[in-house]
Structures are given as structure tokens and as C-alpha cells.
Amino acid sequence: MTRPALPRSRRPDGRVPPILTRRRPRPRTLLLAIAAPALLLCTAATPLDAAPRPADAERPAVAAPPSRWEWPLVPPVEVLAPFEAPPAPWAAGHRGVDLRAGPGVLVGAPATGTVTFVGPVAGRGVVTVTHDDGLRSSVEPVAALVVVGARVAPGDPLGTVEPTGGHCAATACLHWGVRRGDVYVDPVALVEGGPIVLLPTD
């Protein structure tokens, strides 16, 4: 009995004869052929000077507006003792101004800023505000109505004058000092219009 002849397309071992094998394009070569024109098109459409820039580099620097200063007391204000800059940081002087104020008088923030200190110093209550322009105001003796971290605007209540002598000996007053770093400056020079009333120290 003779075996039927196998088709020419298949060998007894199951392999396809080389004559019938077709070469297929490799996927990697085909992908490169498709992507190359698109890559050239995108490169030609995007000029070199259109590269994205950091957002901060395009924003111009904006200077902070100057602070608006007010008296820490409701006018009219009486200055009992003016500012007297010491000749040296360790020398004697009057590092602030004394303003006439009775016990319980409301004390306001002289300019916009953040409360950075509240507490007693040498037995007197002190409230310090660091203003947005970098200056620092301190008022005493004050029973605080604010806490550290509070934001205040000109005229916002900081506290009330305590019934202690402080800088004004037997009478009650409010002492207001302003510093730029560690250097004290004249608070009156910061208030538009200057002092309203200047009284002799005696």
C-alpha cells in the first residue's frame, strides 16, 4: 500500500519549505517608519525660541507698598516725653515716646502687621507687632487683647493701658517704641502730620 503524496506546502516534520516562506516586516522597523515623519513634522513646527520658560522668570518683581502709620491712641494725642536717640547702643536715651493715657484707654495697632510678642517685661505688659515693612512696634504697659500670630491693621485693638506708672512715674501713660532691627527710630516721624501736642517733660 502506497502512502498518499504530501502537499508541497508542508514537509513530514511539519516545517514549511523555504520556497514558500514569506518574510514579514519587523514591528520595530514598521514603527520607526511611521513615527519618523511625525517627529520631523513636530520639530519643524516648534521653533527653538518657543521653549517653555519658568513661570517665575516671567513675573516682574513687585515692591511691597509702604505701611500706613497711625497713632496708637485716639487723637488728640499728647506727647509727654519725646524720642531721644542714645549716642551709642549701650548709652542712656529715651527709646520711644510717652503718650498721655489713663488706665483702661484702648491701644490700637499703629500699622499693619503680625503680633509677635505678648507678655510681661519688668513687671509691665508688652505687646509687639512686626509690621509688613520690617519695623517693630512695642507698646507698654498694656493688658493685651490679642495673641501671638494675630494679624492687625491700623487702629485694631491691641489692649488697654494698665494702671501702672511705667515710664511716666506717678501718672499713667503709654510708651511706644519702634525698632528697625536693633536700632530704635522716632515713632513720631512715621505718623503723617507729626505730633498733635507736645508738652514739657516737667
N, C-alpha and C. Protein backbone atom coordinates (compact mmCIF):
# COMPACT_ATOMS: atom_id res chain seq x y z
N MET A 1 0.85 -1.19 0.00
CA MET A 1 0.00 0.00 0.00
C MET A 1 0.89 1.24 0.00
N THR A 2 0.66 2.10 -0.92
CA THR A 2 1.47 3.32 -1.05
C THR A 2 0.84 4.45 -0.28
N ARG A 3 1.70 5.28 0.32
CA ARG A 3 1.23 6.46 1.07
C ARG A 3 0.86 7.57 0.10
N PRO A 4 -0.17 8.34 0.43
CA PRO A 4 -0.52 9.47 -0.44
C PRO A 4 0.57 10.52 -0.39
N ALA A 5 0.76 11.15 -1.48
CA ALA A 5 1.81 12.18 -1.55
C ALA A 5 1.43 13.37 -0.70
N LEU A 6 2.39 13.87 0.08
CA LEU A 6 2.17 15.05 0.92
C LEU A 6 2.11 16.30 0.08
N PRO A 7 1.34 17.28 0.50
CA PRO A 7 1.33 18.54 -0.25
C PRO A 7 2.71 19.18 -0.21
N ARG A 8 3.01 19.93 -1.25
CA ARG A 8 4.33 20.56 -1.34
C ARG A 8 4.51 21.66 -0.31
N SER A 9 3.34 22.10 0.26
CA SER A 9 3.45 23.19 1.22
C SER A 9 3.86 22.74 2.60
N ARG A 10 4.01 21.50 2.89
CA ARG A 10 4.34 21.04 4.23
C ARG A 10 5.21 19.79 4.12
N ARG A 11 6.22 19.73 4.92
CA ARG A 11 7.11 18.58 4.98
C ARG A 11 6.60 17.58 6.02
N PRO A 12 7.14 16.39 6.00
CA PRO A 12 6.73 15.40 7.02
C PRO A 12 7.00 15.87 8.43
N ASP A 13 8.04 16.70 8.66
CA ASP A 13 8.34 17.17 10.02
C ASP A 13 7.52 18.40 10.39
N GLY A 14 6.60 18.84 9.51
CA GLY A 14 5.74 19.97 9.82
C GLY A 14 6.28 21.30 9.43
N ARG A 15 7.48 21.41 8.87
CA ARG A 15 8.05 22.68 8.51
C ARG A 15 7.59 23.10 7.12
N VAL A 16 7.54 24.37 6.89
CA VAL A 16 7.18 24.89 5.57
C VAL A 16 8.44 24.99 4.74
N PRO A 17 8.42 24.54 3.55
CA PRO A 17 9.62 24.62 2.71
C PRO A 17 10.06 26.07 2.55
N PRO A 18 11.36 26.29 2.42
CA PRO A 18 11.86 27.66 2.28
C PRO A 18 11.28 28.39 1.11
N ILE A 19 10.93 27.69 0.11
CA ILE A 19 10.42 28.35 -1.08
C ILE A 19 9.08 29.02 -0.85
N LEU A 20 8.32 28.51 0.19
CA LEU A 20 7.00 29.07 0.46
C LEU A 20 7.02 30.06 1.63
N THR A 21 8.18 30.25 2.28
CA THR A 21 8.26 31.15 3.44
C THR A 21 8.27 32.60 2.98
N ARG A 22 7.42 33.44 3.62
CA ARG A 22 7.35 34.87 3.31
C ARG A 22 7.91 35.67 4.50
N ARG A 23 8.73 36.62 4.16
CA ARG A 23 9.29 37.47 5.21
C ARG A 23 8.33 38.61 5.54
N ARG A 24 8.06 38.76 6.81
CA ARG A 24 7.20 39.84 7.28
C ARG A 24 8.04 40.97 7.88
N PRO A 25 7.63 42.20 7.68
CA PRO A 25 8.42 43.30 8.27
C PRO A 25 8.40 43.26 9.77
N ARG A 26 9.56 43.55 10.37
CA ARG A 26 9.63 43.53 11.82
C ARG A 26 8.83 44.71 12.40
N PRO A 27 8.13 44.47 13.53
CA PRO A 27 7.32 45.57 14.13
C PRO A 27 8.15 46.80 14.44
N ARG A 28 9.41 46.64 14.89
CA ARG A 28 10.24 47.78 15.26
C ARG A 28 10.55 48.64 14.04
N THR A 29 10.84 47.97 12.93
CA THR A 29 11.13 48.72 11.71
C THR A 29 9.90 49.45 11.20
N LEU A 30 8.73 48.81 11.31
CA LEU A 30 7.49 49.43 10.86
C LEU A 30 7.13 50.64 11.72
N LEU A 31 7.32 50.52 13.05
CA LEU A 31 7.01 51.63 13.96
C LEU A 31 7.91 52.83 13.67
N LEU A 32 9.20 52.55 13.40
CA LEU A 32 10.12 53.64 13.09
C LEU A 32 9.74 54.33 11.79
N ALA A 33 9.26 53.56 10.86
CA ALA A 33 8.87 54.14 9.58
C ALA A 33 7.66 55.05 9.71
N ILE A 34 6.77 54.73 10.68
CA ILE A 34 5.57 55.57 10.88
C ILE A 34 5.88 56.79 11.72
N ALA A 35 6.73 56.62 12.77
CA ALA A 35 6.98 57.71 13.72
C ALA A 35 7.94 58.75 13.19
N ALA A 36 8.84 58.37 12.29
CA ALA A 36 9.86 59.31 11.82
C ALA A 36 9.26 60.53 11.14
N PRO A 37 8.30 60.41 10.21
CA PRO A 37 7.72 61.63 9.60
C PRO A 37 7.02 62.53 10.61
N ALA A 38 6.29 61.92 11.59
CA ALA A 38 5.60 62.73 12.60
C ALA A 38 6.58 63.49 13.46
N LEU A 39 7.72 62.86 13.80
CA LEU A 39 8.74 63.53 14.62
C LEU A 39 9.34 64.71 13.88
N LEU A 40 9.60 64.53 12.59
CA LEU A 40 10.14 65.63 11.80
C LEU A 40 9.16 66.77 11.68
N LEU A 41 7.85 66.45 11.58
CA LEU A 41 6.82 67.48 11.47
C LEU A 41 6.74 68.31 12.74
N CYS A 42 6.78 67.65 13.93
CA CYS A 42 6.69 68.37 15.21
C CYS A 42 7.91 69.25 15.42
N THR A 43 9.08 68.75 15.02
CA THR A 43 10.31 69.53 15.20
C THR A 43 10.30 70.78 14.33
N ALA A 44 9.77 70.65 13.11
CA ALA A 44 9.74 71.81 12.22
C ALA A 44 8.72 72.83 12.66
N ALA A 45 7.64 72.41 13.37
CA ALA A 45 6.57 73.33 13.76
C ALA A 45 6.87 74.04 15.06
N THR A 46 7.91 73.61 15.84
CA THR A 46 8.22 74.21 17.13
C THR A 46 9.56 74.90 17.05
N PRO A 47 9.60 76.24 16.98
CA PRO A 47 10.89 76.94 16.93
C PRO A 47 11.62 76.83 18.25
N LEU A 48 12.95 77.02 18.20
CA LEU A 48 13.75 76.88 19.40
C LEU A 48 13.43 77.93 20.44
N ASP A 49 13.06 79.14 19.99
CA ASP A 49 12.80 80.22 20.95
C ASP A 49 11.43 80.09 21.60
N ALA A 50 10.63 79.06 21.24
CA ALA A 50 9.32 78.87 21.85
C ALA A 50 9.36 77.88 22.99
N ALA A 51 10.57 77.52 23.46
CA ALA A 51 10.67 76.58 24.57
C ALA A 51 10.04 77.17 25.81
N PRO A 52 9.36 76.34 26.63
CA PRO A 52 8.70 76.87 27.83
C PRO A 52 9.70 77.42 28.82
N ARG A 53 9.32 78.49 29.48
CA ARG A 53 10.17 79.14 30.48
C ARG A 53 9.52 79.00 31.84
N PRO A 54 10.33 79.04 32.91
CA PRO A 54 9.75 79.01 34.26
C PRO A 54 8.82 80.18 34.48
N ALA A 55 7.70 79.92 35.16
CA ALA A 55 6.71 80.98 35.37
C ALA A 55 7.27 82.13 36.17
N ASP A 56 8.15 81.84 37.14
CA ASP A 56 8.69 82.91 37.99
C ASP A 56 9.62 83.84 37.22
N ALA A 57 10.26 83.33 36.16
CA ALA A 57 11.18 84.18 35.42
C ALA A 57 10.45 85.24 34.61
N GLU A 58 9.16 85.01 34.30
CA GLU A 58 8.41 85.97 33.50
C GLU A 58 7.68 87.00 34.35
N ARG A 59 7.64 86.80 35.70
CA ARG A 59 6.92 87.72 36.56
C ARG A 59 7.85 88.81 37.06
N PRO A 60 7.55 90.07 36.82
CA PRO A 60 8.41 91.15 37.33
C PRO A 60 8.27 91.28 38.83
N ALA A 61 9.35 91.67 39.49
CA ALA A 61 9.33 91.85 40.94
C ALA A 61 8.48 93.06 41.29
N VAL A 62 7.63 92.88 42.31
CA VAL A 62 6.72 93.94 42.75
C VAL A 62 7.13 94.35 44.15
N ALA A 63 7.43 95.62 44.34
CA ALA A 63 7.83 96.13 45.65
C ALA A 63 6.62 96.22 46.57
N ALA A 64 6.85 95.90 47.85
CA ALA A 64 5.77 95.97 48.83
C ALA A 64 5.39 97.44 49.07
N PRO A 65 4.09 97.73 49.16
CA PRO A 65 3.67 99.11 49.39
C PRO A 65 4.08 99.57 50.78
N PRO A 66 4.39 100.85 50.97
CA PRO A 66 4.77 101.34 52.29
C PRO A 66 3.61 101.25 53.27
N SER A 67 3.96 101.05 54.55
CA SER A 67 2.94 100.93 55.58
C SER A 67 2.33 102.29 55.89
N ARG A 68 1.06 102.28 56.24
CA ARG A 68 0.37 103.49 56.69
C ARG A 68 0.37 103.49 58.21
N TRP A 69 0.93 104.54 58.82
CA TRP A 69 1.10 104.60 60.27
C TRP A 69 0.09 105.55 60.89
N GLU A 70 -0.39 105.15 62.05
CA GLU A 70 -1.32 105.96 62.84
C GLU A 70 -0.84 105.99 64.29
N TRP A 71 -1.40 106.93 65.04
CA TRP A 71 -1.14 106.94 66.47
C TRP A 71 -1.79 105.72 67.12
N PRO A 72 -1.14 105.15 68.13
CA PRO A 72 -1.76 104.01 68.82
C PRO A 72 -2.90 104.41 69.75
N LEU A 73 -3.10 105.71 69.91
CA LEU A 73 -4.20 106.24 70.72
C LEU A 73 -5.11 107.10 69.85
N VAL A 74 -6.35 107.21 70.26
CA VAL A 74 -7.29 108.05 69.52
C VAL A 74 -6.92 109.52 69.73
N PRO A 75 -6.74 110.31 68.65
CA PRO A 75 -6.42 111.73 68.80
C PRO A 75 -7.53 112.48 69.54
N PRO A 76 -7.17 113.61 70.19
CA PRO A 76 -5.86 114.26 70.19
C PRO A 76 -4.85 113.54 71.08
N VAL A 77 -3.59 113.55 70.65
CA VAL A 77 -2.52 112.84 71.35
C VAL A 77 -1.59 113.86 72.00
N GLU A 78 -1.24 113.61 73.25
CA GLU A 78 -0.31 114.47 73.97
C GLU A 78 1.00 113.71 74.21
N VAL A 79 2.09 114.28 73.73
CA VAL A 79 3.40 113.66 73.90
C VAL A 79 4.01 114.19 75.20
N LEU A 80 4.18 113.34 76.18
CA LEU A 80 4.75 113.74 77.46
C LEU A 80 6.28 113.75 77.41
N ALA A 81 6.89 112.81 76.71
CA ALA A 81 8.34 112.74 76.59
C ALA A 81 8.68 112.30 75.17
N PRO A 82 9.45 113.12 74.42
CA PRO A 82 9.77 112.78 73.04
C PRO A 82 10.85 111.73 72.93
N PHE A 83 11.09 111.28 71.71
CA PHE A 83 12.14 110.31 71.42
C PHE A 83 13.51 110.98 71.54
N GLU A 84 14.44 110.28 72.17
CA GLU A 84 15.81 110.78 72.32
C GLU A 84 16.76 109.65 72.00
N ALA A 85 17.36 109.69 70.82
CA ALA A 85 18.25 108.61 70.40
C ALA A 85 19.51 108.60 71.26
N PRO A 86 19.92 107.45 71.76
CA PRO A 86 21.16 107.39 72.55
C PRO A 86 22.37 107.58 71.65
N PRO A 87 23.44 108.18 72.15
CA PRO A 87 24.65 108.37 71.32
C PRO A 87 25.32 107.05 70.97
N ALA A 88 25.06 106.00 71.73
CA ALA A 88 25.62 104.67 71.46
C ALA A 88 24.57 103.64 71.90
N PRO A 89 24.60 102.44 71.35
CA PRO A 89 23.59 101.45 71.71
C PRO A 89 23.52 101.15 73.20
N TRP A 90 24.62 101.30 73.91
CA TRP A 90 24.63 100.99 75.34
C TRP A 90 24.40 102.24 76.21
N ALA A 91 24.32 103.41 75.59
CA ALA A 91 24.19 104.65 76.35
C ALA A 91 22.74 104.93 76.70
N ALA A 92 22.56 105.90 77.61
CA ALA A 92 21.22 106.28 78.04
C ALA A 92 20.52 107.08 76.95
N GLY A 93 19.20 107.01 76.94
CA GLY A 93 18.38 107.74 75.99
C GLY A 93 16.92 107.39 76.22
N HIS A 94 16.06 107.98 75.45
CA HIS A 94 14.64 107.65 75.54
C HIS A 94 14.24 107.00 74.22
N ARG A 95 14.17 105.68 74.23
CA ARG A 95 13.99 104.89 73.01
C ARG A 95 12.50 104.72 72.69
N GLY A 96 11.83 105.85 72.47
CA GLY A 96 10.41 105.84 72.16
C GLY A 96 9.79 107.15 72.59
N VAL A 97 8.46 107.18 72.62
CA VAL A 97 7.72 108.36 73.07
C VAL A 97 6.73 107.94 74.13
N ASP A 98 6.49 108.84 75.09
CA ASP A 98 5.47 108.62 76.11
C ASP A 98 4.24 109.45 75.75
N LEU A 99 3.09 108.80 75.67
CA LEU A 99 1.83 109.45 75.31
C LEU A 99 0.90 109.42 76.50
N ARG A 100 0.26 110.58 76.76
CA ARG A 100 -0.66 110.64 77.89
C ARG A 100 -1.85 109.73 77.63
N ALA A 101 -2.13 108.87 78.61
CA ALA A 101 -3.27 107.94 78.51
C ALA A 101 -3.62 107.44 79.89
N GLY A 102 -4.90 107.48 80.23
CA GLY A 102 -5.35 106.99 81.51
C GLY A 102 -5.54 105.48 81.51
N PRO A 103 -5.67 104.89 82.69
CA PRO A 103 -5.89 103.45 82.78
C PRO A 103 -7.15 103.02 82.02
N GLY A 104 -7.06 101.92 81.31
CA GLY A 104 -8.21 101.40 80.59
C GLY A 104 -8.39 101.97 79.19
N VAL A 105 -7.57 102.95 78.81
CA VAL A 105 -7.69 103.52 77.46
C VAL A 105 -7.29 102.48 76.42
N LEU A 106 -8.05 102.41 75.35
CA LEU A 106 -7.81 101.43 74.30
C LEU A 106 -6.56 101.80 73.49
N VAL A 107 -5.71 100.81 73.23
CA VAL A 107 -4.49 100.98 72.45
C VAL A 107 -4.66 100.24 71.12
N GLY A 108 -4.42 100.96 70.01
CA GLY A 108 -4.59 100.36 68.69
C GLY A 108 -3.27 100.09 68.00
N ALA A 109 -3.32 99.25 66.98
CA ALA A 109 -2.12 98.96 66.18
C ALA A 109 -1.76 100.19 65.36
N PRO A 110 -0.50 100.61 65.36
CA PRO A 110 -0.11 101.78 64.58
C PRO A 110 0.02 101.52 63.08
N ALA A 111 0.18 100.25 62.69
CA ALA A 111 0.32 99.91 61.27
C ALA A 111 0.01 98.43 61.09
N THR A 112 -0.17 98.03 59.85
CA THR A 112 -0.48 96.63 59.55
C THR A 112 0.70 95.74 59.90
N GLY A 113 0.40 94.57 60.47
CA GLY A 113 1.47 93.64 60.82
C GLY A 113 0.94 92.42 61.54
N THR A 114 1.88 91.70 62.17
CA THR A 114 1.58 90.47 62.90
C THR A 114 2.07 90.60 64.33
N VAL A 115 1.25 90.22 65.28
CA VAL A 115 1.63 90.25 66.69
C VAL A 115 2.68 89.16 66.92
N THR A 116 3.87 89.57 67.40
CA THR A 116 4.96 88.61 67.59
C THR A 116 5.37 88.44 69.05
N PHE A 117 4.85 89.27 69.95
CA PHE A 117 5.14 89.08 71.37
C PHE A 117 4.01 89.64 72.20
N VAL A 118 3.62 88.87 73.22
CA VAL A 118 2.64 89.30 74.21
C VAL A 118 3.09 88.74 75.55
N GLY A 119 3.35 89.64 76.52
CA GLY A 119 3.77 89.15 77.83
C GLY A 119 4.37 90.24 78.68
N PRO A 120 4.68 89.91 79.94
CA PRO A 120 5.25 90.91 80.85
C PRO A 120 6.75 91.08 80.65
N VAL A 121 7.20 92.31 80.75
CA VAL A 121 8.63 92.65 80.73
C VAL A 121 8.87 93.62 81.88
N ALA A 122 9.71 93.23 82.82
CA ALA A 122 9.99 94.06 84.00
C ALA A 122 8.71 94.44 84.73
N GLY A 123 7.76 93.53 84.79
CA GLY A 123 6.52 93.76 85.52
C GLY A 123 5.47 94.54 84.76
N ARG A 124 5.69 94.86 83.50
CA ARG A 124 4.71 95.61 82.71
C ARG A 124 4.33 94.81 81.47
N GLY A 125 3.05 94.84 81.13
CA GLY A 125 2.58 94.12 79.96
C GLY A 125 3.05 94.78 78.67
N VAL A 126 3.58 93.98 77.75
CA VAL A 126 4.12 94.49 76.49
C VAL A 126 3.48 93.73 75.33
N VAL A 127 3.13 94.47 74.28
CA VAL A 127 2.65 93.88 73.03
C VAL A 127 3.55 94.40 71.91
N THR A 128 4.10 93.47 71.11
CA THR A 128 4.97 93.83 70.00
C THR A 128 4.34 93.38 68.69
N VAL A 129 4.35 94.28 67.71
CA VAL A 129 3.83 93.99 66.37
C VAL A 129 4.97 94.14 65.38
N THR A 130 5.20 93.10 64.58
CA THR A 130 6.16 93.19 63.47
C THR A 130 5.40 93.59 62.23
N HIS A 131 5.70 94.77 61.73
CA HIS A 131 4.94 95.33 60.61
C HIS A 131 5.44 94.78 59.27
N ASP A 132 4.61 94.95 58.25
CA ASP A 132 4.93 94.39 56.94
C ASP A 132 6.15 95.04 56.30
N ASP A 133 6.52 96.25 56.74
CA ASP A 133 7.71 96.90 56.18
C ASP A 133 8.98 96.56 56.96
N GLY A 134 8.88 95.65 57.94
CA GLY A 134 10.04 95.20 58.68
C GLY A 134 10.26 95.88 60.01
N LEU A 135 9.60 97.02 60.27
CA LEU A 135 9.72 97.69 61.56
C LEU A 135 8.93 96.94 62.63
N ARG A 136 9.31 97.15 63.89
CA ARG A 136 8.62 96.53 65.03
C ARG A 136 8.17 97.59 66.03
N SER A 137 6.90 97.53 66.40
CA SER A 137 6.36 98.44 67.41
C SER A 137 6.15 97.68 68.71
N SER A 138 6.45 98.35 69.82
CA SER A 138 6.17 97.80 71.15
C SER A 138 5.46 98.86 71.96
N VAL A 139 4.37 98.46 72.62
CA VAL A 139 3.60 99.37 73.47
C VAL A 139 3.51 98.76 74.86
N GLU A 140 3.60 99.66 75.86
CA GLU A 140 3.53 99.24 77.27
C GLU A 140 3.14 100.43 78.14
N PRO A 141 2.60 100.22 79.33
CA PRO A 141 2.10 98.95 79.88
C PRO A 141 0.70 98.66 79.34
N VAL A 142 0.50 97.48 78.81
CA VAL A 142 -0.74 97.15 78.12
C VAL A 142 -1.25 95.79 78.58
N ALA A 143 -2.53 95.74 78.92
CA ALA A 143 -3.21 94.47 79.14
C ALA A 143 -3.71 93.98 77.78
N ALA A 144 -3.10 92.93 77.28
CA ALA A 144 -3.31 92.52 75.89
C ALA A 144 -4.71 92.00 75.64
N LEU A 145 -5.21 92.32 74.43
CA LEU A 145 -6.46 91.77 73.91
C LEU A 145 -6.20 90.91 72.68
N VAL A 146 -4.93 90.66 72.36
CA VAL A 146 -4.55 89.88 71.18
C VAL A 146 -3.61 88.77 71.61
N VAL A 147 -3.35 87.85 70.68
CA VAL A 147 -2.44 86.75 70.93
C VAL A 147 -1.36 86.76 69.85
N VAL A 148 -0.26 86.07 70.13
CA VAL A 148 0.83 85.98 69.15
C VAL A 148 0.32 85.29 67.88
N GLY A 149 0.67 85.87 66.75
CA GLY A 149 0.25 85.34 65.46
C GLY A 149 -0.93 86.06 64.85
N ALA A 150 -1.61 86.91 65.64
CA ALA A 150 -2.78 87.62 65.11
C ALA A 150 -2.35 88.69 64.12
N ARG A 151 -3.10 88.83 63.03
CA ARG A 151 -2.88 89.89 62.05
C ARG A 151 -3.70 91.11 62.45
N VAL A 152 -3.07 92.28 62.38
CA VAL A 152 -3.75 93.51 62.78
C VAL A 152 -3.55 94.56 61.69
N ALA A 153 -4.52 95.45 61.60
CA ALA A 153 -4.49 96.59 60.69
C ALA A 153 -4.44 97.86 61.52
N PRO A 154 -4.11 99.00 60.92
CA PRO A 154 -4.06 100.25 61.69
C PRO A 154 -5.36 100.50 62.45
N GLY A 155 -5.24 100.73 63.77
CA GLY A 155 -6.40 101.01 64.60
C GLY A 155 -7.01 99.80 65.26
N ASP A 156 -6.63 98.57 64.85
CA ASP A 156 -7.18 97.37 65.51
C ASP A 156 -6.72 97.33 66.96
N PRO A 157 -7.61 96.94 67.89
CA PRO A 157 -7.25 96.94 69.32
C PRO A 157 -6.13 95.96 69.63
N LEU A 158 -5.14 96.45 70.37
CA LEU A 158 -4.07 95.58 70.90
C LEU A 158 -4.27 95.28 72.37
N GLY A 159 -4.89 96.22 73.10
CA GLY A 159 -5.11 96.05 74.53
C GLY A 159 -5.53 97.35 75.15
N THR A 160 -5.45 97.40 76.47
CA THR A 160 -5.80 98.62 77.22
C THR A 160 -4.64 98.99 78.13
N VAL A 161 -4.53 100.30 78.42
CA VAL A 161 -3.45 100.79 79.26
C VAL A 161 -3.63 100.29 80.69
N GLU A 162 -2.56 99.72 81.24
CA GLU A 162 -2.60 99.23 82.62
C GLU A 162 -2.40 100.38 83.60
N PRO A 163 -2.96 100.29 84.79
CA PRO A 163 -2.83 101.37 85.79
C PRO A 163 -1.50 101.32 86.53
N THR A 164 -0.39 101.42 85.79
CA THR A 164 0.94 101.43 86.40
C THR A 164 1.69 102.65 85.91
N GLY A 165 2.68 103.07 86.68
CA GLY A 165 3.42 104.26 86.35
C GLY A 165 4.26 104.11 85.08
N GLY A 166 5.06 103.03 85.01
CA GLY A 166 5.88 102.80 83.83
C GLY A 166 6.88 103.93 83.62
N HIS A 167 6.95 104.42 82.39
CA HIS A 167 7.87 105.49 82.04
C HIS A 167 7.42 106.84 82.59
N CYS A 168 6.20 106.93 83.00
CA CYS A 168 5.65 108.24 83.39
C CYS A 168 5.54 108.39 84.89
N ALA A 169 6.33 107.62 85.64
CA ALA A 169 6.37 107.75 87.10
C ALA A 169 5.00 107.60 87.71
N ALA A 170 4.51 108.65 88.37
CA ALA A 170 3.27 108.51 89.15
C ALA A 170 2.03 108.47 88.28
N THR A 171 2.06 109.05 87.11
CA THR A 171 0.87 109.09 86.27
C THR A 171 0.91 107.97 85.23
N ALA A 172 -0.26 107.58 84.73
CA ALA A 172 -0.35 106.54 83.71
C ALA A 172 -0.08 107.14 82.34
N CYS A 173 0.59 106.38 81.50
CA CYS A 173 0.84 106.81 80.12
C CYS A 173 1.12 105.57 79.28
N LEU A 174 1.26 105.80 77.99
CA LEU A 174 1.58 104.71 77.07
C LEU A 174 2.96 104.99 76.47
N HIS A 175 3.86 104.04 76.60
CA HIS A 175 5.17 104.16 75.96
C HIS A 175 5.12 103.39 74.64
N TRP A 176 5.55 104.07 73.55
CA TRP A 176 5.54 103.48 72.21
C TRP A 176 6.94 103.56 71.64
N GLY A 177 7.54 102.41 71.39
CA GLY A 177 8.86 102.34 70.79
C GLY A 177 8.82 101.61 69.46
N VAL A 178 9.68 102.02 68.54
CA VAL A 178 9.75 101.42 67.20
C VAL A 178 11.21 101.11 66.90
N ARG A 179 11.45 99.90 66.39
CA ARG A 179 12.81 99.48 66.05
C ARG A 179 12.90 99.04 64.60
N ARG A 180 14.04 99.35 64.01
CA ARG A 180 14.42 98.79 62.71
C ARG A 180 15.62 97.90 62.96
N GLY A 181 15.39 96.59 63.03
CA GLY A 181 16.43 95.69 63.51
C GLY A 181 16.62 95.91 65.00
N ASP A 182 17.83 96.28 65.40
CA ASP A 182 18.11 96.59 66.80
C ASP A 182 18.25 98.08 67.05
N VAL A 183 17.96 98.90 66.04
CA VAL A 183 18.11 100.35 66.16
C VAL A 183 16.73 100.98 66.36
N TYR A 184 16.59 101.80 67.40
CA TYR A 184 15.33 102.48 67.66
C TYR A 184 15.22 103.72 66.78
N VAL A 185 14.01 103.97 66.31
CA VAL A 185 13.73 105.15 65.49
C VAL A 185 12.62 105.95 66.16
N ASP A 186 12.45 107.20 65.71
CA ASP A 186 11.44 108.09 66.28
C ASP A 186 10.05 107.71 65.74
N PRO A 187 9.14 107.24 66.57
CA PRO A 187 7.81 106.87 66.09
C PRO A 187 7.04 108.05 65.51
N VAL A 188 7.27 109.26 66.06
CA VAL A 188 6.53 110.44 65.60
C VAL A 188 6.81 110.71 64.12
N ALA A 189 8.03 110.42 63.66
CA ALA A 189 8.39 110.66 62.27
C ALA A 189 7.63 109.75 61.31
N LEU A 190 7.08 108.66 61.82
CA LEU A 190 6.36 107.72 60.96
C LEU A 190 4.90 108.10 60.76
N VAL A 191 4.38 108.92 61.67
CA VAL A 191 2.97 109.30 61.60
C VAL A 191 2.82 110.55 60.75
N GLU A 192 1.96 110.50 59.77
CA GLU A 192 1.75 111.65 58.89
C GLU A 192 1.19 112.83 59.69
N GLY A 193 1.82 113.98 59.57
CA GLY A 193 1.36 115.16 60.28
C GLY A 193 2.11 115.42 61.57
N GLY A 194 2.89 114.40 62.06
CA GLY A 194 3.68 114.61 63.26
C GLY A 194 2.83 114.67 64.52
N PRO A 195 3.40 115.11 65.63
CA PRO A 195 2.67 115.14 66.90
C PRO A 195 1.60 116.21 66.92
N ILE A 196 0.55 115.95 67.68
CA ILE A 196 -0.54 116.92 67.79
C ILE A 196 -0.26 117.91 68.90
N VAL A 197 0.18 117.41 70.05
CA VAL A 197 0.50 118.29 71.19
C VAL A 197 1.80 117.81 71.80
N LEU A 198 2.73 118.73 72.04
CA LEU A 198 3.99 118.41 72.69
C LEU A 198 4.06 119.18 73.99
N LEU A 199 4.11 118.42 75.09
CA LEU A 199 4.11 119.04 76.42
C LEU A 199 5.52 118.99 77.00
N PRO A 200 5.88 119.95 77.86
CA PRO A 200 7.19 119.89 78.54
C PRO A 200 7.24 118.71 79.49
N THR A 201 8.43 118.14 79.64
CA THR A 201 8.57 116.95 80.48
C THR A 201 8.42 117.25 81.96
N ASP A 202 8.55 118.55 82.38
CA ASP A 202 8.42 118.88 83.80
C ASP A 202 6.97 119.13 84.16
